[in-house]
């Protein structure tokens, strides 16, 4: 069956199927769809229902477009998402229920990936970009997903380690970790009386992260507005999980590092966790213990809040060898993900 969509190519689905935009009534089905996919690929699921809600009907929906494929029973069988992440950068996702056989799943996936591509082109034209980079994520070892992305013209470009470290109550002690090296100072981003952050500090975090990642894989300049808006879409976002570090150099004090953190939902044992969305160290401050001081701060903060873990993602081929630091401090890899990318012209 072929169903035309405004501003996009016709979407091919099997006879008796249909496509439509999701509604709030679909939230439970979408959580189940993602959980079933994760369970099939890596043996367990960590789907955040609040994050799904944000993407579909909350703040995250402001920068996303969605399309569902519904099977002949009226059940949600596939979900396509296009995220206008930043100028020239578009994230796409296509998830098909694992119990849909290849004879039906293959054409559905192909058509949804094409819909994602055309939707990304439309977003690029609105942004007046000549090209945009498509970026899709897959769990390493997901052969079916890799086959679909290859057919869609995407190329595997990078592998990421999804790491976690346990946190104990004893690590809340002021003596749990050594003091930062001489000249290194870590502080939380300043807040006004009402809890809103001081704009100067937010801009400082943005600037130091832009500088820190300039020599990393796929680095690009993201505007301050894009940066803040995107991070606030996360239901786990908290302003008091942002930190800044300074270091005293012979030339004077340097804004040396920053962390943007968030809250992980409760695990099976009922404990929340902390997550490091970003940790960056200015290139002129590397090798001075700044990263370790920031990490100790996050771990201690998590322990003080009664959390049981700190998660993060790191480039498996990080130019700074960050994964080695994390391993030395107790982080272990839970699983691996992959970046698949493709540049498309918007004209």
Protein backbone atom coordinates (compact mmCIF):
# COMPACT_ATOMS: atom_id res chain seq x y z
CA UNK A 1 0.00 0.00 0.00
CA UNK A 2 1.31 3.47 -0.90
CA UNK A 3 0.35 6.41 1.30
CA UNK A 4 1.42 9.95 0.33
CA UNK A 5 2.73 12.25 3.05
CA UNK A 6 2.78 16.05 2.74
CA UNK A 7 6.24 17.29 1.79
CA UNK A 8 7.69 13.77 1.59
CA UNK A 9 7.74 10.83 -0.83
CA UNK A 10 5.06 8.15 -0.77
CA UNK A 11 5.66 5.67 2.04
CA UNK A 12 5.52 2.02 0.99
CA UNK A 13 3.97 -0.36 3.53
CA UNK A 14 2.57 -3.91 3.14
CA UNK A 15 -1.03 -4.45 2.12
CA UNK A 16 -3.38 -3.75 5.02
CA UNK A 17 -0.83 -1.57 6.81
CA UNK A 18 -0.93 2.20 7.27
CA UNK A 19 1.19 5.16 8.34
CA UNK A 20 0.32 8.11 10.55
CA UNK A 21 1.75 10.66 12.94
CA UNK A 22 1.89 9.47 16.59
CA UNK A 23 -0.47 10.80 19.25
CA UNK A 24 -0.25 10.76 23.06
CA UNK A 25 -2.25 7.51 22.98
CA UNK A 26 0.73 5.83 21.27
CA UNK A 27 3.26 6.51 24.03
CA UNK A 28 2.96 3.13 25.74
CA UNK A 29 3.23 1.32 22.40
CA UNK A 30 6.33 3.30 21.45
CA UNK A 31 8.03 2.49 24.77
CA UNK A 32 7.20 -1.18 24.21
CA UNK A 33 8.54 -1.02 20.65
CA UNK A 34 11.91 0.41 21.75
CA UNK A 35 12.13 -1.99 24.70
CA UNK A 36 11.44 -5.02 22.50
CA UNK A 37 14.12 -3.90 20.04
CA UNK A 38 16.74 -3.37 22.77
CA UNK A 39 15.84 -6.66 24.41
CA UNK A 40 16.25 -8.51 21.12
CA UNK A 41 19.62 -6.91 20.30
CA UNK A 42 21.44 -6.67 23.63
CA UNK A 43 19.40 -8.78 26.00
CA UNK A 44 18.00 -5.99 28.16
CA UNK A 45 16.22 -2.68 27.90
CA UNK A 46 16.89 0.76 29.37
CA UNK A 47 14.14 2.75 27.66
CA UNK A 48 13.22 5.98 29.46
CA UNK A 49 9.46 6.46 29.14
CA UNK A 50 9.79 10.16 30.06
CA UNK A 51 12.28 10.67 27.23
CA UNK A 52 9.85 9.08 24.78
CA UNK A 53 7.09 11.39 26.01
CA UNK A 54 9.36 14.42 25.60
CA UNK A 55 10.19 13.44 22.01
CA UNK A 56 6.58 12.85 20.97
CA UNK A 57 4.50 15.42 22.87
CA UNK A 58 6.90 17.36 25.11
CA UNK A 59 9.73 19.86 24.59
CA UNK A 60 11.66 17.40 22.41
CA UNK A 61 8.82 17.36 19.90
CA UNK A 62 9.56 20.97 18.94
CA UNK A 63 12.62 19.90 16.94
CA UNK A 64 11.42 16.48 15.74
CA UNK A 65 9.13 14.95 13.13
CA UNK A 66 7.65 11.47 13.46
CA UNK A 67 5.96 8.80 11.38
CA UNK A 68 4.51 5.47 12.51
CA UNK A 69 3.87 2.35 10.47
CA UNK A 70 0.87 0.40 11.76
CA UNK A 71 0.33 -3.27 10.90
CA UNK A 72 -2.87 -4.93 9.71
CA UNK A 73 -4.00 -5.37 13.33
CA UNK A 74 -3.66 -1.66 14.00
CA UNK A 75 -0.57 -2.16 16.20
CA UNK A 76 2.48 0.10 16.01
CA UNK A 77 5.10 -1.86 14.06
CA UNK A 78 7.70 0.81 13.21
CA UNK A 79 8.66 4.32 14.21
CA UNK A 80 10.69 6.86 12.21
CA UNK A 81 12.09 10.03 13.82
CA UNK A 82 13.92 13.01 12.38
CA UNK A 83 15.63 15.40 14.78
CA UNK A 84 16.68 18.88 13.66
CA UNK A 85 19.71 18.79 15.96
CA UNK A 86 21.64 21.81 14.63
CA UNK A 87 22.43 23.66 11.42
CA UNK A 88 23.75 21.05 9.01
CA UNK A 89 23.19 18.14 11.42
CA UNK A 90 20.08 15.93 11.36
CA UNK A 91 19.65 12.82 13.50
CA UNK A 92 17.44 10.05 12.11
CA UNK A 93 16.08 6.88 13.70
CA UNK A 94 14.06 4.00 12.30
CA UNK A 95 12.96 1.22 14.67
CA UNK A 96 10.98 -1.82 13.47
CA UNK A 97 9.40 -4.28 15.87
CA UNK A 98 11.71 -7.33 16.04
CA UNK A 99 8.90 -9.85 15.50
CA UNK A 100 8.08 -8.41 12.06
CA UNK A 101 9.55 -10.80 9.51
CA UNK A 102 12.08 -9.56 6.97
CA UNK A 103 9.67 -9.88 4.04
CA UNK A 104 7.58 -7.10 5.58
CA UNK A 105 10.23 -5.30 7.63
CA UNK A 106 12.68 -4.71 4.78
CA UNK A 107 10.40 -2.60 2.55
CA UNK A 108 8.99 -0.74 5.56
CA UNK A 109 12.47 0.14 6.82
CA UNK A 110 13.63 1.18 3.36
CA UNK A 111 10.66 3.46 2.86
CA UNK A 112 10.93 5.00 6.33
CA UNK A 113 14.64 5.70 5.86
CA UNK A 114 13.80 7.42 2.58
CA UNK A 115 11.14 9.46 4.38
CA UNK A 116 13.77 10.45 6.97
CA UNK A 117 16.18 11.49 4.23
CA UNK A 118 13.63 13.65 2.42
CA UNK A 119 12.41 15.19 5.67
CA UNK A 120 16.01 16.06 6.55
CA UNK A 121 16.41 17.71 3.14
CA UNK A 122 13.31 19.79 3.80
CA UNK A 123 14.67 20.89 7.19
CA UNK A 124 17.97 21.79 5.55
CA UNK A 125 16.23 23.92 2.96
CA UNK A 126 14.32 25.79 5.65
CA UNK A 127 17.63 26.40 7.45
CA UNK A 128 19.17 27.52 4.12
CA UNK A 129 21.84 24.83 4.30
CA UNK A 130 23.27 23.45 1.04
CA UNK A 131 23.90 20.07 2.68
CA UNK A 132 23.07 18.31 5.91
CA UNK A 133 24.67 15.35 7.60
CA UNK A 134 22.39 12.45 8.50
CA UNK A 135 23.42 10.69 11.69
CA UNK A 136 21.86 7.41 12.84
CA UNK A 137 22.77 5.26 15.83
CA UNK A 138 22.71 1.48 16.05
CA UNK A 139 23.57 -0.95 18.83
CA UNK A 140 26.75 -2.76 17.82
CA UNK A 141 25.92 -6.25 16.54
CA UNK A 142 22.45 -5.33 15.26
CA UNK A 143 22.91 -6.92 11.84
CA UNK A 144 19.39 -6.18 10.58
CA UNK A 145 19.66 -2.50 11.41
CA UNK A 146 23.12 -2.32 9.82
CA UNK A 147 21.75 -3.89 6.65
CA UNK A 148 18.95 -1.34 6.42
CA UNK A 149 21.27 1.61 7.04
CA UNK A 150 23.74 0.38 4.43
CA UNK A 151 20.90 0.12 1.92
CA UNK A 152 19.92 3.71 2.81
CA UNK A 153 23.41 4.94 1.89
CA UNK A 154 24.63 5.41 5.45
CA UNK A 155 28.21 4.44 6.31
CA UNK A 156 29.56 3.20 9.65
CA UNK A 157 31.88 5.96 10.90
CA UNK A 158 32.47 5.49 14.62
CA UNK A 159 31.99 3.21 17.62
CA UNK A 160 31.07 4.47 21.08
CA UNK A 161 31.45 2.85 24.49
CA UNK A 162 28.43 3.10 26.77
CA UNK A 163 30.04 2.97 30.20
CA UNK A 164 28.80 2.84 33.78
CA UNK A 165 30.45 3.08 37.18
CA UNK A 166 28.92 2.02 40.50
CA UNK A 167 28.65 4.64 43.25
CA UNK A 168 28.80 3.86 46.96
CA UNK A 169 27.50 5.85 49.91
CA UNK A 170 31.05 6.17 51.25
CA UNK A 171 32.01 8.25 48.21
CA UNK A 172 29.92 11.11 49.57
CA UNK A 173 32.67 11.70 52.13
CA UNK A 174 34.87 14.79 51.59
CA UNK A 175 37.88 12.48 52.01
CA UNK A 176 36.75 9.88 49.48
CA UNK A 177 38.91 11.36 46.71
CA UNK A 178 42.19 13.25 46.63
CA UNK A 179 42.01 17.01 46.38
CA UNK A 180 42.40 18.52 42.90
CA UNK A 181 45.92 19.39 41.84
CA UNK A 182 47.26 22.77 42.89
CA UNK A 183 45.65 25.53 40.86
CA UNK A 184 42.62 23.48 39.77
CA UNK A 185 39.23 24.65 41.08
CA UNK A 186 35.86 23.02 40.32
CA UNK A 187 32.56 24.75 41.05
CA UNK A 188 28.94 24.30 40.18
CA UNK A 189 27.42 26.64 37.60
CA UNK A 190 26.08 29.65 39.49
CA UNK A 191 22.33 30.07 39.91
CA UNK A 192 20.03 32.97 40.67
CA UNK A 193 17.77 32.86 43.73
CA UNK A 194 14.94 31.28 41.74
CA UNK A 195 17.14 28.42 40.55
CA UNK A 196 17.79 29.66 37.02
CA UNK A 197 21.45 29.55 35.96
CA UNK A 198 23.60 32.61 35.48
CA UNK A 199 23.81 33.19 31.73
CA UNK A 200 27.51 34.02 31.84
CA UNK A 201 28.28 30.59 33.28
CA UNK A 202 26.16 28.79 30.69
CA UNK A 203 28.00 30.57 27.92
CA UNK A 204 31.27 29.64 29.60
CA UNK A 205 30.29 25.95 29.57
CA UNK A 206 29.37 26.17 25.90
CA UNK A 207 32.63 27.90 24.98
CA UNK A 208 34.88 25.48 26.84
CA UNK A 209 33.11 22.44 25.36
CA UNK A 210 33.37 23.88 21.84
CA UNK A 211 37.11 24.36 22.38
CA UNK A 212 37.56 20.97 24.06
CA UNK A 213 36.01 18.96 21.24
CA UNK A 214 37.49 20.92 18.32
CA UNK A 215 39.97 18.08 17.61
CA UNK A 216 37.46 15.24 18.17
CA UNK A 217 35.54 13.13 15.68
CA UNK A 218 32.85 14.94 13.67
CA UNK A 219 33.33 18.19 15.57
CA UNK A 220 31.18 21.10 14.43
CA UNK A 221 30.18 24.48 15.78
CA UNK A 222 26.79 24.42 17.48
CA UNK A 223 25.23 27.74 18.34
CA UNK A 224 24.64 28.55 22.00
CA UNK A 225 20.87 28.61 21.46
CA UNK A 226 20.91 25.17 19.79
CA UNK A 227 23.12 23.78 22.56
CA UNK A 228 20.94 24.94 25.45
CA UNK A 229 17.61 24.15 23.76
CA UNK A 230 18.70 20.60 22.90
CA UNK A 231 19.92 19.79 26.39
CA UNK A 232 16.77 21.17 28.02
CA UNK A 233 14.68 18.69 26.02
CA UNK A 234 16.03 15.85 28.18
CA UNK A 235 13.64 15.04 31.06
CA UNK A 236 16.72 14.36 33.20
CA UNK A 237 18.07 17.86 32.65
CA UNK A 238 19.00 19.75 35.84
CA UNK A 239 20.87 23.06 36.01
CA UNK A 240 22.60 21.99 39.23
CA UNK A 241 24.30 19.15 37.33
CA UNK A 242 26.53 21.54 35.38
CA UNK A 243 30.09 22.31 36.58
CA UNK A 244 32.99 24.52 35.53
CA UNK A 245 36.71 24.08 36.25
CA UNK A 246 39.47 26.66 36.17
CA UNK A 247 43.24 26.17 36.31
CA UNK A 248 45.91 28.68 37.22
CA UNK A 249 48.51 29.00 34.47
CA UNK A 250 51.64 31.21 34.38
CA UNK A 251 49.69 33.50 32.07
CA UNK A 252 46.76 33.68 34.50
CA UNK A 253 43.54 31.73 35.23
CA UNK A 254 42.10 29.64 32.38
CA UNK A 255 38.57 28.31 31.99
CA UNK A 256 39.80 24.73 31.84
CA UNK A 257 36.90 22.30 31.78
CA UNK A 258 33.18 21.71 32.07
CA UNK A 259 30.62 19.00 32.75
CA UNK A 260 27.00 18.88 31.66
CA UNK A 261 25.16 16.20 33.61
CA UNK A 262 21.64 14.88 33.98
CA UNK A 263 19.56 12.36 35.97
CA UNK A 264 19.16 8.74 34.91
CA UNK A 265 15.77 7.15 35.70
CA UNK A 266 15.41 4.53 38.40
CA UNK A 267 16.92 1.11 37.68
CA UNK A 268 15.43 -2.26 38.61
CA UNK A 269 16.53 -1.69 42.23
CA UNK A 270 14.74 1.64 42.42
CA UNK A 271 17.83 3.87 42.36
CA UNK A 272 18.37 6.89 40.13
CA UNK A 273 21.74 7.46 38.52
CA UNK A 274 23.75 10.40 37.26
CA UNK A 275 24.77 10.76 33.63
CA UNK A 276 27.61 12.78 32.13
CA UNK A 277 26.27 14.17 28.87
CA UNK A 278 29.47 16.11 28.22
CA UNK A 279 32.86 16.41 29.87
CA UNK A 280 35.47 18.54 28.15
CA UNK A 281 38.90 19.89 29.00
CA UNK A 282 40.40 22.87 27.19
CA UNK A 283 43.31 21.74 25.02
CA UNK A 284 45.71 24.07 26.84
CA UNK A 285 44.72 22.53 30.20
CA UNK A 286 45.08 18.84 29.36
CA UNK A 287 47.39 16.78 31.52
CA UNK A 288 46.76 18.90 34.63
CA UNK A 289 44.22 16.65 36.36
CA UNK A 290 41.19 18.70 35.35
CA UNK A 291 39.17 15.77 33.99
CA UNK A 292 39.83 13.66 37.07
CA UNK A 293 38.79 16.53 39.36
CA UNK A 294 35.53 16.97 37.42
CA UNK A 295 34.82 13.23 37.50
CA UNK A 296 35.44 13.04 41.26
CA UNK A 297 33.01 15.94 41.69
CA UNK A 298 30.27 14.14 39.72
CA UNK A 299 30.78 10.87 41.60
CA UNK A 300 30.67 12.60 44.99
CA UNK A 301 27.56 14.53 43.98
CA UNK A 302 25.85 11.30 42.89
CA UNK A 303 26.72 9.66 46.21
CA UNK A 304 25.38 12.65 48.15
CA UNK A 305 22.10 12.32 46.27
CA UNK A 306 21.82 8.59 47.09
CA UNK A 307 22.40 7.42 43.51
CA UNK A 308 24.03 4.13 42.65
CA UNK A 309 25.79 4.77 39.31
CA UNK A 310 27.29 7.29 36.92
CA UNK A 311 26.96 6.65 33.19
CA UNK A 312 28.68 8.21 30.20
CA UNK A 313 29.48 7.70 26.53
CA UNK A 314 32.98 7.89 25.08
CA UNK A 315 34.51 7.59 21.62
CA UNK A 316 36.19 4.18 21.36
CA UNK A 317 38.98 5.94 19.44
CA UNK A 318 39.11 9.12 21.50
CA UNK A 319 42.16 11.23 20.55
CA UNK A 320 42.72 11.99 24.24
CA UNK A 321 42.50 8.34 25.39
CA UNK A 322 39.60 9.26 27.66
CA UNK A 323 38.36 5.67 27.80
CA UNK A 324 41.58 4.66 29.55
CA UNK A 325 41.00 7.29 32.24
CA UNK A 326 37.45 6.10 32.79
CA UNK A 327 38.52 2.47 33.10
CA UNK A 328 41.20 3.46 35.63
CA UNK A 329 38.51 5.17 37.70
CA UNK A 330 36.11 2.24 37.76
CA UNK A 331 33.97 2.61 34.66
CA UNK A 332 33.13 -0.50 32.64
CA UNK A 333 31.63 -0.83 29.18
CA UNK A 334 28.01 -2.00 29.29
CA UNK A 335 27.57 -2.15 25.52
CA UNK A 336 28.69 -0.43 22.31
CA UNK A 337 26.84 1.75 19.84
CA UNK A 338 27.72 2.85 16.32
CA UNK A 339 27.36 6.08 14.35
CA UNK A 340 26.18 5.69 10.75
CA UNK A 341 26.30 8.83 8.61
CA UNK A 342 25.56 10.23 5.19
CA UNK A 343 25.81 13.72 3.71
CA UNK A 344 22.86 14.77 1.56
CA UNK A 345 22.31 17.82 -0.62
CA UNK A 346 19.16 19.74 0.25
CA UNK A 347 18.46 21.00 -3.27
